[in-house]
Protein backbone atom coordinates (compact mmCIF):
# COMPACT_ATOMS: atom_id res chain seq x y z
CA GLN A 1 -26.46 -29.12 51.41
CA VAL A 2 -24.88 -26.49 49.19
CA GLN A 3 -22.29 -23.96 50.27
CA LEU A 4 -21.80 -20.88 48.12
CA VAL A 5 -18.88 -18.46 48.16
CA GLU A 6 -18.98 -15.21 46.22
CA SER A 7 -15.90 -13.29 45.16
CA GLY A 8 -14.88 -10.49 42.82
CA GLY A 9 -16.52 -7.53 44.50
CA GLY A 10 -14.71 -4.26 45.06
CA LEU A 11 -14.60 -0.54 44.39
CA VAL A 12 -14.95 0.69 40.83
CA GLN A 13 -15.66 4.01 39.16
CA ALA A 14 -18.91 4.64 37.35
CA GLY A 15 -18.77 3.19 33.87
CA GLY A 16 -16.36 0.47 34.95
CA SER A 17 -16.74 -3.30 35.10
CA LEU A 18 -16.52 -6.10 37.62
CA ARG A 19 -16.90 -9.85 37.36
CA LEU A 20 -18.39 -11.70 40.29
CA SER A 21 -17.99 -15.41 40.82
CA CYS A 22 -20.04 -17.83 42.89
CA ALA A 23 -18.34 -21.11 43.69
CA ALA A 24 -20.49 -23.96 44.97
CA SER A 25 -19.49 -26.82 47.22
CA THR A 26 -21.84 -29.60 46.25
CA ARG A 27 -21.73 -32.90 44.43
CA THR A 28 -23.35 -31.40 41.34
CA LEU A 29 -24.94 -28.14 40.24
CA PHE A 30 -26.86 -29.66 37.35
CA THR A 31 -30.20 -29.70 39.13
CA TYR A 32 -30.07 -26.19 40.53
CA PHE A 33 -31.45 -22.88 39.34
CA MET A 34 -29.03 -20.10 40.27
CA GLY A 35 -29.68 -16.46 40.95
CA TRP A 36 -27.97 -13.24 41.90
CA PHE A 37 -29.61 -10.80 44.27
CA ARG A 38 -28.40 -7.54 45.74
CA GLN A 39 -29.16 -5.47 48.79
CA ALA A 40 -28.28 -1.82 49.23
CA PRO A 41 -28.23 -0.18 52.67
CA GLY A 42 -31.75 0.49 53.92
CA LYS A 43 -33.35 -1.35 51.00
CA GLU A 44 -34.97 -4.70 50.42
CA ARG A 45 -33.00 -7.50 48.80
CA GLU A 46 -33.81 -7.50 45.10
CA PHE A 47 -33.53 -9.97 42.26
CA VAL A 48 -30.87 -9.19 39.68
CA VAL A 49 -30.70 -12.21 37.38
CA GLY A 50 -31.37 -15.94 37.32
CA ILE A 51 -30.18 -18.79 35.13
CA SER A 52 -31.64 -22.21 34.43
CA TRP A 53 -29.86 -25.43 35.38
CA ASN A 54 -28.41 -25.90 31.89
CA GLY A 55 -27.50 -22.24 31.33
CA TYR A 56 -29.78 -21.98 28.30
CA SER A 57 -32.17 -19.44 29.82
CA THR A 58 -31.40 -16.29 31.74
CA TYR A 59 -33.82 -13.81 33.24
CA TYR A 60 -32.74 -10.25 34.00
CA ALA A 61 -34.24 -7.49 36.08
CA ASP A 62 -35.02 -4.52 33.87
CA PHE A 63 -32.50 -2.31 35.59
CA VAL A 64 -29.55 -4.50 34.51
CA LYS A 65 -30.60 -5.57 31.02
CA GLY A 66 -27.91 -4.80 28.50
CA ARG A 67 -25.30 -4.19 31.21
CA PHE A 68 -25.03 -7.42 33.22
CA THR A 69 -24.52 -10.96 31.95
CA MET A 70 -24.90 -14.11 34.00
CA SER A 71 -23.34 -17.41 33.01
CA ARG A 72 -22.52 -20.71 34.66
CA ASP A 73 -20.03 -23.54 34.28
CA ASN A 74 -21.50 -26.66 35.86
CA ALA A 75 -18.27 -28.59 35.43
CA LYS A 76 -16.51 -25.99 37.58
CA LYS A 77 -19.57 -25.61 39.85
CA THR A 78 -19.33 -21.87 39.40
CA ALA A 79 -21.62 -19.06 38.28
CA TYR A 80 -20.49 -15.67 37.06
CA LEU A 81 -21.95 -12.20 36.87
CA GLN A 82 -20.24 -9.86 34.42
CA MET A 83 -21.21 -6.30 35.27
CA ASN A 84 -20.47 -3.56 32.77
CA SER A 85 -21.36 0.14 32.62
CA LEU A 86 -21.70 0.19 36.38
CA LYS A 87 -23.62 3.00 38.02
CA PRO A 88 -23.49 4.36 41.58
CA GLU A 89 -26.98 2.92 42.12
CA ASP A 90 -25.53 -0.56 41.55
CA THR A 91 -23.72 -0.22 44.88
CA ALA A 92 -24.88 -3.09 47.10
CA VAL A 93 -23.93 -6.40 48.62
CA TYR A 94 -24.39 -9.03 45.92
CA TYR A 95 -25.57 -12.50 46.89
CA CYS A 96 -25.55 -15.75 45.00
CA ALA A 97 -28.36 -18.22 45.69
CA VAL A 98 -29.52 -21.59 44.42
CA ARG A 99 -32.64 -23.73 44.52
CA ALA A 100 -33.81 -26.90 42.84
CA ASP A 101 -34.78 -26.21 39.25
CA SER A 102 -38.23 -27.33 38.15
CA GLY A 103 -37.07 -28.09 34.60
CA SER A 104 -40.05 -26.22 33.15
CA GLU A 105 -38.47 -22.85 32.29
CA GLU A 106 -39.90 -21.45 35.50
CA VAL A 107 -38.28 -18.24 36.72
CA PHE A 108 -37.51 -17.84 40.42
CA SER A 109 -37.21 -14.16 41.30
CA LYS A 110 -38.25 -14.08 44.96
CA SER A 111 -35.64 -14.51 47.64
CA SER A 112 -38.03 -16.77 49.59
CA GLU A 113 -37.89 -19.27 46.72
CA TYR A 114 -34.19 -19.97 47.21
CA GLU A 115 -32.76 -22.61 49.51
CA TYR A 116 -29.09 -21.76 49.83
CA TRP A 117 -27.26 -18.45 49.97
CA GLY A 118 -23.70 -17.19 49.93
CA GLN A 119 -22.34 -14.66 52.37
CA GLY A 120 -22.32 -11.85 49.83
CA THR A 121 -19.68 -9.65 48.24
CA GLN A 122 -19.63 -5.86 48.39
CA VAL A 123 -19.76 -3.86 45.18
CA THR A 124 -19.19 -0.13 45.46
CA VAL A 125 -19.46 2.17 42.45
CA SER A 126 -18.14 5.68 42.88
CA SER A 127 -19.40 8.62 40.86
């Protein structure tokens, strides 16, 4: 069982930055692939970025490449999402999720592939 708690959301002006954190309550995060998803009102939940168990590989959705950076600290059992150059269209509830990593550089970008989810944190970008 893994419990995830996101934090760091808030209101920011367009062009600004936010850093989200995802803290996990589990014995170890070493075997888990971690991802960030987001869901805007009236829209489907969409994949933002994922990171392999060791942090060596990250996979970004095209719409955040060059603006967002995901990292993880397994010792602290925490993942981070640094969001720069924010746009109003980035407004959404952001969710952290984890699943067992396959160890084969496989990318998990579908929400159905994830086992555990956080409660989400609201990010609002004003124009």
